Amino acid sequence: MVLSPLLGFYMMLAIVLLMATSSSSPFMMWVCLELNMLMFLPVMSSESGLALENTMKYFLIQSWASILFLIGTILSMVLDQAMFFIGIFSLMLKLGAAPFHGWFISILKSSSMLILMLLSTLQKCIPLVMVANFNISPYIMGPFLLTTLSVTFFSLPGTISINKILALSSMVNLGWFLVGVQHSLKVFFSFFTIYVILLLSVVTLCTKHSVSSFSSLISLSLMDKVGMVFVFMSLGGLPPLLGFLGKLLILKSSLMYFNFIMMLVLVYSSLLVLYTYISRLFFIMTSGPTLKVGLKNSKMNMKTSILCGSLASFNMMMIIPM
């Protein structure tokens, strides 16, 4: 039921992404955004639960952001180039950056892991490419990074829902995306690829075990718990795991371009997310039984956990020149 919309979405996403990267016209980029949004709506509506409500939220927010982008583009051509800041705000709204993050958190809290994965990764590609083409000033980006830190600081304590924590983690990683894409597309795509691999590992394990909160992980076997720990620690950027490599690349390439305080804000936001993962997972590893050895499906669970844990913990820092 979901395969057909997904196949069409992936094909269309590849086409519009190529169109967006090869075009310098704001109007052509706007067309790519609209095509991408229209192809994603059937994917969202095919889910169960609150799919219809989430689809309407996504459609209304994205449509309003597209209108703002057009207004900003037209005003910058007719009146003054400085009016394009309206278009920049519309891109931040499309990306779900703080303080325009309300719709993003609301949808991801009640959506499936598949929608969470797509909204956190693939749906951000075209707006991020547009941000790279428009060469936004670091002084404009600074308030968004500070707001992200504030939202993360006040929202993470007491949160046990994996969907909400992953949504907040996606907001923090969006700050790294914005910094990386402004300076080096090569570094950005390296970090983006690492993030996709790590998030896919988390989504795979959580979907396999039907996990919706960290408290649900207590009943897992010891091997599955170890796999979860490696995946989440790497996603949080704990050195020397793979997730730390992507952030280290962006820090090294962007430290001379961006203000030191802005980079410190990004690092502190990531530390808040990592602390949340460590505090939740420490409780899980020290609670409950459970090493399941003789069950028929234990081998399959062990293989999945080892595979996802290996993807998350594999460290390429020794073979990639820094």
Protein backbone atom coordinates (compact mmCIF):
# COMPACT_ATOMS: atom_id res chain seq x y z
CA MET A 1 0.00 0.00 0.00
CA VAL A 2 2.87 2.37 0.80
CA LEU A 3 5.33 1.03 -1.76
CA SER A 4 3.70 2.65 -4.79
CA PRO A 5 3.57 6.22 -3.39
CA LEU A 6 7.07 5.77 -1.99
CA LEU A 7 8.50 4.64 -5.32
CA GLY A 8 7.00 7.62 -7.13
CA PHE A 9 8.18 9.95 -4.36
CA TYR A 10 11.78 8.70 -4.55
CA MET A 11 11.86 9.07 -8.34
CA MET A 12 10.35 12.56 -8.24
CA LEU A 13 12.64 13.62 -5.41
CA ALA A 14 15.70 12.63 -7.44
CA ILE A 15 14.43 14.59 -10.46
CA VAL A 16 13.50 17.78 -8.59
CA LEU A 17 16.73 17.64 -6.57
CA LEU A 18 18.74 17.60 -9.80
CA MET A 19 16.61 20.47 -11.11
CA ALA A 20 17.15 22.50 -7.94
CA THR A 21 20.93 21.98 -7.87
CA SER A 22 21.32 22.87 -11.57
CA SER A 23 19.14 25.99 -11.47
CA SER A 24 19.96 29.46 -10.16
CA SER A 25 16.49 30.91 -10.69
CA PRO A 26 14.45 31.40 -7.48
CA PHE A 27 11.24 30.70 -9.38
CA MET A 28 12.56 27.40 -10.72
CA MET A 29 13.55 26.42 -7.20
CA TRP A 30 10.06 27.32 -6.03
CA VAL A 31 8.63 24.96 -8.66
CA CYS A 32 10.91 22.20 -7.36
CA LEU A 33 9.69 22.81 -3.81
CA GLU A 34 6.05 22.58 -4.88
CA LEU A 35 6.59 19.39 -6.87
CA ASN A 36 8.39 17.81 -3.94
CA MET A 37 5.60 18.77 -1.55
CA LEU A 38 2.86 17.40 -3.82
CA MET A 39 4.68 14.09 -4.21
CA PHE A 40 5.15 13.74 -0.45
CA LEU A 41 1.49 14.26 0.46
CA PRO A 42 0.35 10.78 -0.76
CA VAL A 43 3.16 9.21 1.28
CA MET A 44 1.96 10.94 4.45
CA SER A 45 -1.73 10.23 3.84
CA SER A 46 -1.08 6.51 3.29
CA GLU A 47 -0.02 6.09 6.94
CA SER A 48 -2.38 5.06 9.72
CA GLY A 49 -3.35 6.95 12.88
CA LEU A 50 -3.34 10.74 12.57
CA ALA A 51 -2.17 10.64 8.96
CA LEU A 52 -4.92 12.90 7.61
CA GLU A 53 -4.41 15.54 10.30
CA ASN A 54 -0.62 15.49 9.83
CA THR A 55 -1.02 15.71 6.06
CA MET A 56 -3.23 18.80 6.39
CA LYS A 57 -0.77 20.42 8.80
CA TYR A 58 2.13 19.74 6.45
CA PHE A 59 0.25 20.99 3.39
CA LEU A 60 -0.92 24.25 5.03
CA ILE A 61 2.49 25.10 6.50
CA GLN A 62 4.38 24.31 3.31
CA SER A 63 1.88 26.25 1.18
CA TRP A 64 2.14 29.29 3.46
CA ALA A 65 5.94 29.09 3.35
CA SER A 66 5.86 28.92 -0.45
CA ILE A 67 3.68 32.05 -0.60
CA LEU A 68 6.13 33.88 1.67
CA PHE A 69 9.02 32.77 -0.53
CA LEU A 70 7.33 34.16 -3.63
CA ILE A 71 6.51 37.44 -1.86
CA GLY A 72 10.10 37.81 -0.69
CA THR A 73 11.49 37.05 -4.15
CA ILE A 74 9.18 39.52 -5.91
CA LEU A 75 9.77 42.29 -3.35
CA SER A 76 13.53 41.83 -3.60
CA MET A 77 13.32 42.32 -7.39
CA VAL A 78 10.90 45.25 -7.31
CA LEU A 79 11.93 47.19 -4.20
CA ASP A 80 15.19 46.22 -2.54
CA GLN A 81 17.43 43.17 -2.36
CA ALA A 82 17.22 43.33 1.43
CA MET A 83 13.55 42.31 1.23
CA PHE A 84 14.66 38.78 0.42
CA PHE A 85 14.95 38.11 4.16
CA ILE A 86 11.24 37.19 3.88
CA GLY A 87 12.24 34.36 1.53
CA ILE A 88 14.92 33.25 3.99
CA PHE A 89 12.34 33.07 6.79
CA SER A 90 10.10 30.99 4.53
CA LEU A 91 12.94 28.50 3.98
CA MET A 92 13.47 28.26 7.74
CA LEU A 93 9.73 27.61 8.10
CA LYS A 94 9.92 24.82 5.53
CA LEU A 95 12.89 23.27 7.31
CA GLY A 96 11.21 23.42 10.72
CA ALA A 97 13.97 25.52 12.25
CA ALA A 98 13.32 27.20 15.59
CA PRO A 99 11.31 29.33 16.28
CA PHE A 100 9.22 27.98 13.38
CA HIS A 101 9.42 24.42 14.69
CA GLY A 102 5.93 23.90 16.15
CA TRP A 103 4.49 22.09 13.13
CA PHE A 104 7.60 19.91 12.81
CA ILE A 105 7.47 18.65 16.41
CA SER A 106 3.70 18.21 16.27
CA ILE A 107 3.81 16.02 13.16
CA LEU A 108 6.79 13.91 14.21
CA LYS A 109 5.36 13.18 17.68
CA SER A 110 2.34 11.40 16.18
CA SER A 111 3.79 10.04 12.92
CA SER A 112 5.38 6.73 12.04
CA MET A 113 9.12 6.17 11.99
CA LEU A 114 9.08 6.23 8.18
CA ILE A 115 7.59 9.74 8.06
CA LEU A 116 10.01 10.84 10.78
CA MET A 117 12.90 9.54 8.70
CA LEU A 118 11.75 11.25 5.50
CA LEU A 119 10.92 14.61 7.11
CA SER A 120 14.23 14.69 8.98
CA THR A 121 16.39 13.87 5.95
CA LEU A 122 15.16 13.77 2.35
CA GLN A 123 12.54 16.53 2.67
CA LYS A 124 15.24 18.94 3.81
CA CYS A 125 17.50 18.44 0.79
CA ILE A 126 15.95 20.99 -1.59
CA PRO A 127 15.53 23.84 0.96
CA LEU A 128 19.12 23.29 2.11
CA VAL A 129 20.38 23.45 -1.48
CA MET A 130 18.47 26.73 -1.85
CA VAL A 131 20.09 28.04 1.34
CA ALA A 132 23.50 27.21 -0.15
CA ASN A 133 22.66 29.04 -3.41
CA PHE A 134 21.45 32.19 -1.63
CA ASN A 135 24.57 32.42 0.58
CA ILE A 136 22.85 33.54 3.79
CA SER A 137 24.87 35.69 6.17
CA PRO A 138 26.02 34.08 9.43
CA TYR A 139 24.48 37.02 11.31
CA ILE A 140 21.05 36.10 9.95
CA MET A 141 21.56 32.45 10.86
CA GLY A 142 22.72 33.23 14.40
CA PRO A 143 19.25 33.89 15.91
CA PHE A 144 17.97 30.58 14.54
CA LEU A 145 20.86 28.69 16.17
CA LEU A 146 20.34 30.47 19.51
CA THR A 147 16.61 29.75 19.42
CA THR A 148 17.31 26.09 18.66
CA LEU A 149 19.54 25.92 21.74
CA SER A 150 16.81 27.49 23.90
CA VAL A 151 14.11 25.14 22.60
CA THR A 152 16.35 22.11 23.12
CA PHE A 153 17.29 23.20 26.63
CA PHE A 154 13.68 23.63 27.78
CA SER A 155 12.08 20.75 25.84
CA LEU A 156 14.41 17.80 26.39
CA PRO A 157 14.13 17.38 30.21
CA GLY A 158 11.37 14.95 31.07
CA THR A 159 10.84 13.79 27.48
CA ILE A 160 10.66 10.01 27.11
CA SER A 161 9.01 9.73 23.68
CA ILE A 162 11.57 8.57 21.13
CA ASN A 163 9.76 10.41 18.33
CA LYS A 164 9.92 13.75 20.14
CA ILE A 165 13.56 13.32 21.15
CA LEU A 166 14.49 12.41 17.57
CA ALA A 167 12.55 15.46 16.35
CA LEU A 168 14.52 17.73 18.71
CA SER A 169 17.72 15.98 17.67
CA SER A 170 16.80 16.67 14.04
CA MET A 171 16.41 20.36 14.87
CA VAL A 172 19.88 20.43 16.42
CA ASN A 173 21.38 18.62 13.42
CA LEU A 174 19.60 21.10 11.14
CA GLY A 175 21.85 23.77 12.67
CA TRP A 176 24.88 21.70 11.64
CA PHE A 177 23.36 21.30 8.16
CA LEU A 178 22.91 25.06 7.79
CA VAL A 179 26.47 25.76 8.88
CA GLY A 180 27.96 23.04 6.70
CA VAL A 181 25.99 23.89 3.56
CA GLN A 182 27.07 27.54 3.77
CA HIS A 183 30.75 26.70 3.63
CA SER A 184 31.29 23.41 1.81
CA LEU A 185 28.80 21.22 -0.06
CA LYS A 186 31.25 18.32 0.08
CA VAL A 187 31.43 18.44 3.87
CA PHE A 188 27.68 18.94 4.10
CA PHE A 189 26.86 15.88 2.02
CA SER A 190 29.38 13.82 4.03
CA PHE A 191 27.67 14.76 7.30
CA PHE A 192 24.22 14.38 5.74
CA THR A 193 25.06 10.84 4.56
CA ILE A 194 26.35 9.90 8.01
CA TYR A 195 23.19 11.28 9.63
CA VAL A 196 20.95 9.34 7.24
CA ILE A 197 22.81 6.09 8.02
CA LEU A 198 22.57 6.62 11.78
CA LEU A 199 18.91 7.68 11.74
CA LEU A 200 18.06 4.73 9.50
CA SER A 201 19.68 2.43 12.06
CA VAL A 202 17.59 3.94 14.86
CA VAL A 203 14.40 3.73 12.81
CA THR A 204 15.13 0.12 11.85
CA LEU A 205 15.63 -1.02 15.44
CA CYS A 206 12.68 0.94 16.84
CA THR A 207 10.35 -0.30 14.10
CA LYS A 208 11.50 -3.90 14.51
CA HIS A 209 10.79 -3.91 18.25
CA SER A 210 7.73 -1.60 18.06
CA VAL A 211 9.34 0.86 20.47
CA SER A 212 7.76 4.28 21.05
CA SER A 213 9.45 5.38 24.29
CA PHE A 214 12.71 4.71 26.09
CA SER A 215 10.91 2.93 28.90
CA SER A 216 9.79 0.30 26.35
CA LEU A 217 13.41 -0.70 25.77
CA ILE A 218 13.69 -2.33 29.20
CA SER A 219 12.06 -5.54 27.95
CA LEU A 220 14.60 -6.05 25.15
CA SER A 221 17.34 -8.62 25.26
CA LEU A 222 20.84 -7.62 26.30
CA MET A 223 22.16 -7.78 22.73
CA ASP A 224 19.35 -5.54 21.46
CA LYS A 225 20.03 -3.08 24.28
CA VAL A 226 23.72 -2.94 23.35
CA GLY A 227 22.78 -2.30 19.72
CA MET A 228 20.47 0.53 20.80
CA VAL A 229 23.18 2.08 22.95
CA PHE A 230 25.72 2.12 20.12
CA VAL A 231 23.20 3.56 17.65
CA PHE A 232 21.97 6.36 19.93
CA MET A 233 25.44 7.25 21.19
CA SER A 234 26.70 7.57 17.63
CA LEU A 235 23.64 9.61 16.63
CA GLY A 236 24.37 11.93 19.56
CA GLY A 237 27.95 12.41 18.36
CA LEU A 238 29.86 10.62 21.11
CA PRO A 239 33.55 10.28 20.13
CA PRO A 240 35.05 8.24 18.63
CA LEU A 241 31.88 6.89 16.95
CA LEU A 242 30.79 7.69 13.42
CA GLY A 243 28.37 10.48 14.38
CA PHE A 244 31.27 12.46 15.88
CA LEU A 245 33.13 12.36 12.56
CA GLY A 246 30.51 14.37 10.67
CA LYS A 247 30.40 17.11 13.29
CA LEU A 248 34.19 17.19 13.48
CA LEU A 249 34.39 17.72 9.71
CA ILE A 250 31.97 20.65 9.88
CA LEU A 251 33.77 22.16 12.87
CA LYS A 252 37.12 21.99 11.10
CA SER A 253 35.87 23.44 7.80
CA SER A 254 33.58 26.13 9.24
CA LEU A 255 35.40 27.43 12.32
CA MET A 256 37.21 30.11 10.34
CA TYR A 257 34.04 31.14 8.50
CA PHE A 258 31.58 31.33 11.38
CA ASN A 259 31.79 33.10 14.71
CA PHE A 260 33.32 31.01 17.49
CA ILE A 261 30.30 31.71 19.73
CA MET A 262 27.91 30.32 17.09
CA MET A 263 29.93 27.13 16.83
CA LEU A 264 29.96 26.88 20.62
CA VAL A 265 26.15 27.13 20.60
CA LEU A 266 25.98 24.24 18.13
CA VAL A 267 28.31 22.09 20.21
CA TYR A 268 26.39 22.81 23.42
CA SER A 269 23.08 21.93 21.74
CA SER A 270 24.54 18.60 20.61
CA LEU A 271 25.82 17.95 24.14
CA LEU A 272 22.29 18.45 25.49
CA VAL A 273 20.96 15.82 23.09
CA LEU A 274 23.81 13.45 23.91
CA TYR A 275 23.19 13.90 27.64
CA THR A 276 19.52 13.03 27.09
CA TYR A 277 20.48 9.82 25.27
CA ILE A 278 22.99 8.85 27.96
CA SER A 279 20.59 9.49 30.86
CA ARG A 280 17.78 7.48 29.25
CA LEU A 281 19.98 4.60 28.08
CA PHE A 282 21.83 4.31 31.42
CA PHE A 283 18.47 3.66 33.07
CA ILE A 284 17.68 1.02 30.44
CA MET A 285 20.99 -0.82 30.74
CA THR A 286 20.74 -0.97 34.52
CA SER A 287 17.09 -2.08 34.64
CA GLY A 288 15.23 -5.24 33.77
CA PRO A 289 16.37 -8.75 32.75
CA THR A 290 17.39 -10.02 30.00
CA LEU A 291 19.58 -12.14 27.92
CA LYS A 292 17.46 -14.31 25.65
CA VAL A 293 19.62 -17.12 24.40
CA GLY A 294 17.55 -20.12 23.39
CA LEU A 295 14.69 -18.54 21.45
CA LYS A 296 14.17 -19.15 17.75
CA ASN A 297 14.11 -15.49 16.76
CA SER A 298 17.07 -14.50 18.96
CA LYS A 299 19.54 -15.04 16.13
CA MET A 300 17.62 -12.70 13.83
CA ASN A 301 17.32 -10.05 16.56
CA MET A 302 21.03 -10.39 17.27
CA LYS A 303 21.94 -10.00 13.58
CA THR A 304 19.82 -6.87 13.23
CA SER A 305 21.26 -5.32 16.39
CA ILE A 306 24.84 -6.15 15.38
CA LEU A 307 24.31 -4.74 11.87
CA CYS A 308 22.78 -1.45 13.07
CA GLY A 309 25.31 -1.13 15.87
CA SER A 310 28.18 -1.72 13.45
CA LEU A 311 26.87 0.92 11.05
CA ALA A 312 26.56 3.39 13.89
CA SER A 313 29.91 2.70 15.55
CA PHE A 314 32.07 2.24 12.44
CA ASN A 315 34.71 4.95 12.59
CA MET A 316 36.33 6.23 9.38
CA MET A 317 38.47 8.91 11.00
CA MET A 318 41.61 6.84 10.53
CA ILE A 319 41.15 6.51 6.76
CA ILE A 320 39.69 9.94 5.85
CA PRO A 321 42.30 12.72 5.80
CA MET A 322 41.27 15.44 8.23
